[in-house]
Amino acid sequence: MKRIMWLLLVLFSLAFSANVYAKDIKAAFIYVGPVGDGGWTYAHDQGRIEMEKLPFVTKTTFIESVPEGADATRVITGLANKGYNLIFTTSFGFMDPTVEVAGRFKDIAFEHCSGYKTTENMGNYFGRFYQGKYLSGIVAGSMTKSNIIGYVAAYPIPEVIRGINAFTLGVREVNPEATVKVVWTQTWFNPGLEKDAADSLLDVGADVLSMHQDTPATLQAAEERGKFAIGNDSDMRQFAPEAFLTAPIWDWGVLYKYFATEVHNGTWKPEEIWWGMETGVVKLAPLSDKVPQKVQALVAEKQQALMEHKTQVFTGPIKNQAGEIVLAAGKTYGDKELLSMNFFIEGVQGTIAK
């Protein structure tokens, strides 16, 4: 009986899992911003270029600055109709449009970045970017003199909130007196608005800035005022060479080559991927020479511990903004708690905008 039940489960799983195979990979990418944003979309496009080096990837294309919503559905459908057999949608707001289109093109492999839904021919993928945020927080906490660190944030979704909290844990680990002030922009890509938000933080005494935005505008604001800044998504030092300290960065090529190879080999299946720094998909940009050697050594030590799974970023005791223990000493948050995080920890100044 047990053997029969096992066989039935195997057959059931095969029936509801797409068998996507393509000898020659033709991949398409949908971007929420322009490839020249210097951050999020730029990093994805660098990954596309890396994937192109695989001998069986015969064609890639991308469409940039696609609004999230109905426009995304139209664009994804158009690419599916053109014969692309591996389609990447690279922003959270593309999730439901990708689900819709994947349901109509069962012979195509779809991959959605930063979401949480899967179907028989659509997976989702992301990296543990909060690990890099934590390490960059150690740098920021070590470099501030005013103990006021500014953070320009896009949208109050768990990904961004998780990053702010991880950053603050790093800050407070080396500097318990420092606070992280958050200003929301409600946009991923708006250099003018991002710069205004950064200036508002500098005006209240912040001497180190960080951000979760798609452009280097925050760094440029810090550069103009003679302050320090932490980049995001890519190594942004060229945009603010004096202000730049480091940045959590993406190497999307690691994942894009993996997916292309899986489809080429006929072994692709929809997965929920959330890889950490040990895989190379998340990195920390080389630290500025302005960062003291003892701080650089500490960051290297902490990074190695994360990569070897000897430590976790979100380990208790952790308090919320009201000073209440939300994670007991020695406990760690699992992925479910991390993926749904919707509160700020002690040390963060600001509210979660609705």
Protein backbone atom coordinates (compact mmCIF):
# COMPACT_ATOMS: atom_id res chain seq x y z
CA MET A 1 0.00 0.00 0.00
CA LYS A 2 2.80 2.45 0.92
CA ARG A 3 4.54 1.68 -2.40
CA ILE A 4 1.34 2.34 -4.34
CA MET A 5 0.79 5.65 -2.52
CA TRP A 6 4.37 6.69 -3.27
CA LEU A 7 3.92 5.91 -6.98
CA LEU A 8 0.69 7.89 -7.05
CA LEU A 9 2.44 10.88 -5.49
CA VAL A 10 5.22 10.69 -8.07
CA LEU A 11 2.74 10.52 -10.92
CA PHE A 12 0.74 13.40 -9.45
CA SER A 13 3.83 15.59 -9.16
CA LEU A 14 4.85 14.80 -12.74
CA ALA A 15 1.38 15.62 -14.01
CA PHE A 16 1.47 19.06 -12.44
CA SER A 17 5.06 20.01 -13.25
CA ALA A 18 5.96 21.48 -16.61
CA ASN A 19 8.54 19.66 -18.69
CA VAL A 20 10.33 22.64 -20.20
CA TYR A 21 13.32 21.79 -22.37
CA ALA A 22 15.12 23.78 -25.04
CA LYS A 23 18.38 22.88 -26.74
CA ASP A 24 18.88 26.51 -27.68
CA ILE A 25 17.95 29.10 -25.09
CA LYS A 26 16.19 32.25 -26.18
CA ALA A 27 15.77 34.39 -23.08
CA ALA A 28 13.83 37.61 -22.52
CA PHE A 29 14.02 40.03 -19.60
CA ILE A 30 11.45 42.58 -18.43
CA TYR A 31 12.91 45.46 -16.43
CA VAL A 32 11.08 47.98 -14.25
CA GLY A 33 13.69 50.69 -14.83
CA PRO A 34 16.22 51.71 -17.47
CA VAL A 35 19.41 49.67 -17.88
CA GLY A 36 21.33 52.86 -17.21
CA ASP A 37 19.93 53.35 -13.70
CA GLY A 38 23.27 52.36 -12.19
CA GLY A 39 21.61 50.03 -9.71
CA TRP A 40 18.85 47.40 -9.78
CA THR A 41 18.15 47.15 -13.49
CA TYR A 42 21.79 47.70 -14.42
CA ALA A 43 22.74 44.73 -12.21
CA HIS A 44 20.12 42.49 -13.82
CA ASP A 45 21.33 43.43 -17.27
CA GLN A 46 24.90 42.60 -16.33
CA GLY A 47 23.57 39.16 -15.36
CA ARG A 48 21.89 38.84 -18.75
CA ILE A 49 25.19 39.63 -20.44
CA GLU A 50 26.92 36.95 -18.35
CA MET A 51 24.27 34.40 -19.32
CA GLU A 52 24.82 35.21 -23.00
CA LYS A 53 28.31 33.72 -22.73
CA LEU A 54 26.88 30.21 -22.39
CA PRO A 55 27.29 28.42 -25.76
CA PHE A 56 23.66 27.24 -25.87
CA VAL A 57 22.20 30.70 -25.22
CA THR A 58 21.55 31.80 -28.79
CA LYS A 59 19.54 34.95 -28.18
CA THR A 60 18.59 37.36 -25.41
CA THR A 61 16.54 40.52 -25.37
CA PHE A 62 15.17 42.95 -22.81
CA ILE A 63 12.46 45.55 -22.50
CA GLU A 64 13.21 48.31 -20.02
CA SER A 65 11.09 50.75 -17.99
CA VAL A 66 7.97 48.55 -18.00
CA PRO A 67 5.30 49.79 -15.55
CA GLU A 68 4.04 47.26 -13.03
CA GLY A 69 0.48 46.16 -13.76
CA ALA A 70 -1.51 45.78 -16.99
CA ASP A 71 1.35 47.04 -19.17
CA ALA A 72 3.54 44.25 -17.82
CA THR A 73 0.97 41.62 -18.84
CA ARG A 74 0.97 42.98 -22.39
CA VAL A 75 4.78 43.03 -22.61
CA ILE A 76 5.24 39.52 -21.19
CA THR A 77 2.59 38.16 -23.54
CA GLY A 78 4.31 39.78 -26.51
CA LEU A 79 7.63 38.15 -25.66
CA ALA A 80 5.99 34.75 -25.18
CA ASN A 81 4.37 35.06 -28.60
CA LYS A 82 7.77 35.81 -30.16
CA GLY A 83 9.15 32.41 -29.22
CA TYR A 84 11.31 33.14 -26.18
CA ASN A 85 11.52 29.97 -24.08
CA LEU A 86 12.90 31.45 -20.85
CA ILE A 87 11.36 34.69 -19.58
CA PHE A 88 12.54 36.67 -16.55
CA THR A 89 10.39 39.32 -14.88
CA THR A 90 12.56 41.31 -12.54
CA SER A 91 10.39 43.35 -10.19
CA PHE A 92 7.97 42.47 -7.38
CA GLY A 93 5.02 44.13 -9.12
CA PHE A 94 5.40 41.84 -12.14
CA MET A 95 4.41 38.79 -10.09
CA ASP A 96 0.69 38.50 -10.87
CA PRO A 97 1.10 39.42 -14.55
CA THR A 98 3.72 36.67 -14.82
CA VAL A 99 1.38 34.14 -13.22
CA GLU A 100 -1.34 35.12 -15.69
CA VAL A 101 0.83 34.82 -18.79
CA ALA A 102 2.56 31.62 -17.60
CA GLY A 103 -0.85 29.98 -17.40
CA ARG A 104 -1.34 30.53 -21.13
CA PHE A 105 2.14 29.41 -22.28
CA LYS A 106 2.85 26.09 -20.55
CA ASP A 107 5.85 25.26 -22.76
CA ILE A 108 7.82 28.33 -21.60
CA ALA A 109 9.82 28.59 -18.37
CA PHE A 110 9.05 31.76 -16.43
CA GLU A 111 11.10 33.09 -13.53
CA HIS A 112 9.92 35.96 -11.33
CA CYS A 113 12.31 37.92 -9.13
CA SER A 114 11.53 38.77 -5.49
CA GLY A 115 8.02 37.35 -5.34
CA TYR A 116 6.45 34.40 -3.56
CA LYS A 117 4.20 32.68 -6.11
CA THR A 118 4.94 29.65 -8.27
CA THR A 119 3.00 27.70 -10.87
CA GLU A 120 3.72 24.54 -12.86
CA ASN A 121 5.96 26.55 -15.23
CA MET A 122 6.89 29.60 -13.15
CA GLY A 123 9.46 29.77 -10.37
CA ASN A 124 10.62 32.63 -8.19
CA TYR A 125 14.11 33.65 -7.19
CA PHE A 126 15.94 36.10 -4.98
CA GLY A 127 19.05 36.41 -2.85
CA ARG A 128 19.58 37.05 0.84
CA PHE A 129 20.41 40.68 0.23
CA TYR A 130 19.81 41.46 3.89
CA GLN A 131 23.16 39.78 4.61
CA GLY A 132 24.93 42.49 2.64
CA LYS A 133 22.78 45.15 4.28
CA TYR A 134 23.88 43.92 7.71
CA LEU A 135 27.57 44.05 6.75
CA SER A 136 27.22 47.53 5.29
CA GLY A 137 25.52 48.58 8.53
CA ILE A 138 28.68 47.64 10.42
CA VAL A 139 30.59 50.00 8.14
CA ALA A 140 28.06 52.82 8.58
CA GLY A 141 27.94 52.44 12.36
CA SER A 142 31.72 52.57 12.51
CA MET A 143 32.02 55.68 10.33
CA THR A 144 29.33 57.98 11.74
CA LYS A 145 30.38 60.79 14.06
CA SER A 146 26.94 62.33 14.61
CA ASN A 147 25.35 58.93 15.36
CA ILE A 148 22.62 59.86 12.88
CA ILE A 149 22.47 57.64 9.79
CA GLY A 150 19.96 58.39 7.05
CA TYR A 151 18.17 55.77 4.97
CA VAL A 152 16.29 56.59 1.77
CA ALA A 153 13.74 53.81 1.18
CA ALA A 154 11.47 53.04 -1.77
CA TYR A 155 8.36 51.09 -0.71
CA PRO A 156 7.34 49.61 2.68
CA ILE A 157 7.36 45.99 1.52
CA PRO A 158 9.01 43.17 3.52
CA GLU A 159 12.10 43.15 1.29
CA VAL A 160 12.86 46.80 2.06
CA ILE A 161 11.85 46.62 5.73
CA ARG A 162 14.00 43.52 6.20
CA GLY A 163 16.96 45.34 4.68
CA ILE A 164 16.53 48.38 6.93
CA ASN A 165 16.36 46.17 10.01
CA ALA A 166 19.40 44.11 8.98
CA PHE A 167 21.33 47.31 8.29
CA THR A 168 20.35 48.67 11.71
CA LEU A 169 21.45 45.46 13.43
CA GLY A 170 24.88 45.95 11.88
CA VAL A 171 24.97 49.62 12.88
CA ARG A 172 23.99 48.96 16.50
CA GLU A 173 26.34 46.00 16.85
CA VAL A 174 29.32 48.34 16.63
CA ASN A 175 27.64 51.57 17.76
CA PRO A 176 24.67 51.15 20.13
CA GLU A 177 24.18 54.92 20.31
CA ALA A 178 23.55 55.37 16.60
CA THR A 179 20.07 55.62 15.08
CA VAL A 180 18.84 55.06 11.53
CA LYS A 181 16.35 57.64 10.23
CA VAL A 182 14.12 56.42 7.39
CA VAL A 183 12.48 58.55 4.69
CA TRP A 184 10.15 56.91 2.16
CA THR A 185 9.98 57.96 -1.50
CA GLN A 186 7.24 55.60 -2.75
CA THR A 187 9.22 55.03 -5.95
CA TRP A 188 11.98 52.72 -7.15
CA PHE A 189 13.32 55.11 -9.75
CA ASN A 190 13.13 58.89 -9.37
CA PRO A 191 16.58 60.46 -8.99
CA GLY A 192 15.20 63.90 -8.15
CA LEU A 193 12.90 62.64 -5.41
CA GLU A 194 15.61 60.35 -4.02
CA LYS A 195 18.06 63.25 -3.83
CA ASP A 196 15.48 65.44 -2.07
CA ALA A 197 14.93 62.69 0.51
CA ALA A 198 18.68 62.33 1.00
CA ASP A 199 19.08 66.09 1.44
CA SER A 200 16.32 66.12 4.07
CA LEU A 201 18.27 63.54 6.08
CA LEU A 202 21.52 65.45 5.75
CA ASP A 203 19.68 68.58 6.93
CA VAL A 204 18.85 66.90 10.27
CA GLY A 205 22.45 65.84 10.93
CA ALA A 206 22.97 62.53 9.16
CA ASP A 207 26.63 62.12 8.22
CA VAL A 208 26.28 58.67 6.63
CA LEU A 209 23.51 57.75 4.20
CA SER A 210 22.24 54.40 2.99
CA MET A 211 19.33 53.55 0.76
CA HIS A 212 17.15 50.99 -0.96
CA GLN A 213 16.64 52.71 -4.31
CA ASP A 214 17.58 52.01 -7.90
CA THR A 215 19.80 55.03 -8.61
CA PRO A 216 22.94 56.58 -7.08
CA ALA A 217 21.15 59.88 -6.31
CA THR A 218 21.51 59.35 -2.54
CA LEU A 219 25.27 58.92 -2.88
CA GLN A 220 25.51 62.02 -5.05
CA ALA A 221 23.69 64.04 -2.40
CA ALA A 222 26.20 62.86 0.21
CA GLU A 223 29.10 63.67 -2.10
CA GLU A 224 27.90 67.23 -2.57
CA ARG A 225 27.71 67.74 1.20
CA GLY A 226 31.00 66.06 2.09
CA LYS A 227 29.37 63.09 3.85
CA PHE A 228 29.62 59.32 3.47
CA ALA A 229 27.19 56.94 1.80
CA ILE A 230 26.44 53.25 1.23
CA GLY A 231 25.37 52.18 -2.26
CA ASN A 232 22.79 49.61 -3.31
CA ASP A 233 22.45 46.84 -5.93
CA SER A 234 25.74 47.59 -7.73
CA ASP A 235 29.17 49.07 -7.02
CA MET A 236 28.28 52.76 -7.33
CA ARG A 237 31.64 54.29 -6.40
CA GLN A 238 32.06 55.93 -9.83
CA PHE A 239 29.07 58.17 -9.11
CA ALA A 240 30.38 59.45 -5.75
CA PRO A 241 34.03 58.43 -5.33
CA GLU A 242 34.63 60.48 -2.19
CA ALA A 243 31.40 59.57 -0.40
CA PHE A 244 31.25 55.88 -1.32
CA LEU A 245 32.08 53.43 1.49
CA THR A 246 30.72 50.13 0.12
CA ALA A 247 27.48 48.60 -1.19
CA PRO A 248 25.58 45.33 -1.02
CA ILE A 249 25.58 44.20 -4.66
CA TRP A 250 24.01 41.58 -6.90
CA ASP A 251 25.67 39.12 -9.25
CA TRP A 252 22.55 37.93 -11.07
CA GLY A 253 24.65 36.05 -13.60
CA VAL A 254 25.02 33.27 -11.03
CA LEU A 255 21.29 32.59 -11.15
CA TYR A 256 20.73 33.34 -14.81
CA LYS A 257 23.36 30.87 -15.91
CA TYR A 258 21.86 28.29 -13.54
CA PHE A 259 18.35 28.65 -14.99
CA ALA A 260 19.53 28.59 -18.60
CA THR A 261 21.55 25.44 -17.94
CA GLU A 262 18.60 23.75 -16.26
CA VAL A 263 16.29 24.46 -19.21
CA HIS A 264 18.99 23.35 -21.67
CA ASN A 265 19.47 20.08 -19.77
CA GLY A 266 15.75 19.44 -19.44
CA THR A 267 16.03 19.47 -15.65
CA TRP A 268 14.36 22.83 -15.03
CA LYS A 269 11.49 22.88 -12.56
CA PRO A 270 9.73 25.73 -10.74
CA GLU A 271 11.59 26.44 -7.52
CA GLU A 272 11.47 28.98 -4.72
CA ILE A 273 15.09 30.12 -4.60
CA TRP A 274 16.53 32.35 -1.92
CA TRP A 275 20.31 31.98 -2.13
CA GLY A 276 22.83 33.53 0.26
CA MET A 277 26.27 35.06 0.01
CA GLU A 278 27.94 31.65 -0.13
CA THR A 279 26.57 31.19 -3.67
CA GLY A 280 27.99 34.48 -4.94
CA VAL A 281 24.64 35.95 -5.97
CA VAL A 282 24.92 38.51 -3.13
CA LYS A 283 28.21 40.26 -2.49
CA LEU A 284 29.68 43.28 -0.73
CA ALA A 285 31.52 45.77 -2.89
CA PRO A 286 35.17 46.37 -1.93
CA LEU A 287 35.37 48.78 0.98
CA SER A 288 36.71 52.29 0.55
CA ASP A 289 40.23 53.01 1.75
CA LYS A 290 38.58 55.50 4.12
CA VAL A 291 37.25 52.59 6.19
CA PRO A 292 39.78 51.74 8.95
CA GLN A 293 41.57 48.41 8.64
CA LYS A 294 40.11 47.12 11.91
CA VAL A 295 36.61 47.71 10.56
CA GLN A 296 37.48 46.03 7.27
CA ALA A 297 38.80 43.03 9.20
CA LEU A 298 35.61 42.83 11.28
CA VAL A 299 33.42 42.96 8.17
CA ALA A 300 35.50 40.22 6.52
CA GLU A 301 35.17 38.07 9.63
CA LYS A 302 31.40 38.53 9.81
CA GLN A 303 30.98 37.86 6.11
CA GLN A 304 32.92 34.60 6.35
CA ALA A 305 30.78 33.51 9.30
CA LEU A 306 27.61 34.19 7.29
CA MET A 307 28.92 32.28 4.30
CA GLU A 308 29.83 29.30 6.47
CA HIS A 309 26.43 29.42 8.23
CA LYS A 310 28.13 29.94 11.57
CA THR A 311 25.99 32.97 12.33
CA GLN A 312 22.67 34.48 11.29
CA VAL A 313 21.78 38.14 10.88
CA PHE A 314 18.48 37.99 12.74
CA THR A 315 19.47 36.37 16.03
CA GLY A 316 17.93 37.44 19.35
CA PRO A 317 17.62 39.30 21.52
CA ILE A 318 15.91 41.72 19.14
CA LYS A 319 13.57 44.49 20.27
CA ASN A 320 10.97 46.43 18.34
CA GLN A 321 10.78 50.24 18.31
CA ALA A 322 8.84 50.21 21.58
CA GLY A 323 11.69 48.37 23.28
CA GLU A 324 9.75 45.10 23.55
CA ILE A 325 11.54 41.81 22.98
CA VAL A 326 10.25 40.30 19.75
CA LEU A 327 12.94 37.65 19.37
CA ALA A 328 14.39 35.99 22.45
CA ALA A 329 18.12 35.56 23.02
CA GLY A 330 19.56 32.70 21.01
CA LYS A 331 16.52 32.40 18.74
CA THR A 332 16.62 33.15 15.01
CA TYR A 333 13.95 34.11 12.51
CA GLY A 334 13.08 31.54 9.90
CA ASP A 335 12.35 32.34 6.28
CA LYS A 336 8.61 32.70 6.91
CA GLU A 337 9.19 35.51 9.42
CA LEU A 338 11.83 37.17 7.25
CA LEU A 339 9.69 37.11 4.11
CA SER A 340 6.72 38.70 5.90
CA MET A 341 8.60 41.21 8.08
CA ASN A 342 6.45 44.28 8.67
CA PHE A 343 7.91 46.05 11.72
CA PHE A 344 10.95 48.13 12.57
CA ILE A 345 13.45 47.15 15.23
CA GLU A 346 14.90 49.29 18.00
CA GLY A 347 17.25 51.88 16.60
CA VAL A 348 15.14 52.72 13.55
CA GLN A 349 13.46 56.14 13.55
CA GLY A 350 10.49 56.36 11.23
CA THR A 351 7.18 54.70 10.55
CA ILE A 352 6.16 52.10 8.02
CA ALA A 353 4.22 54.13 5.49
CA LYS A 354 0.92 52.74 4.25
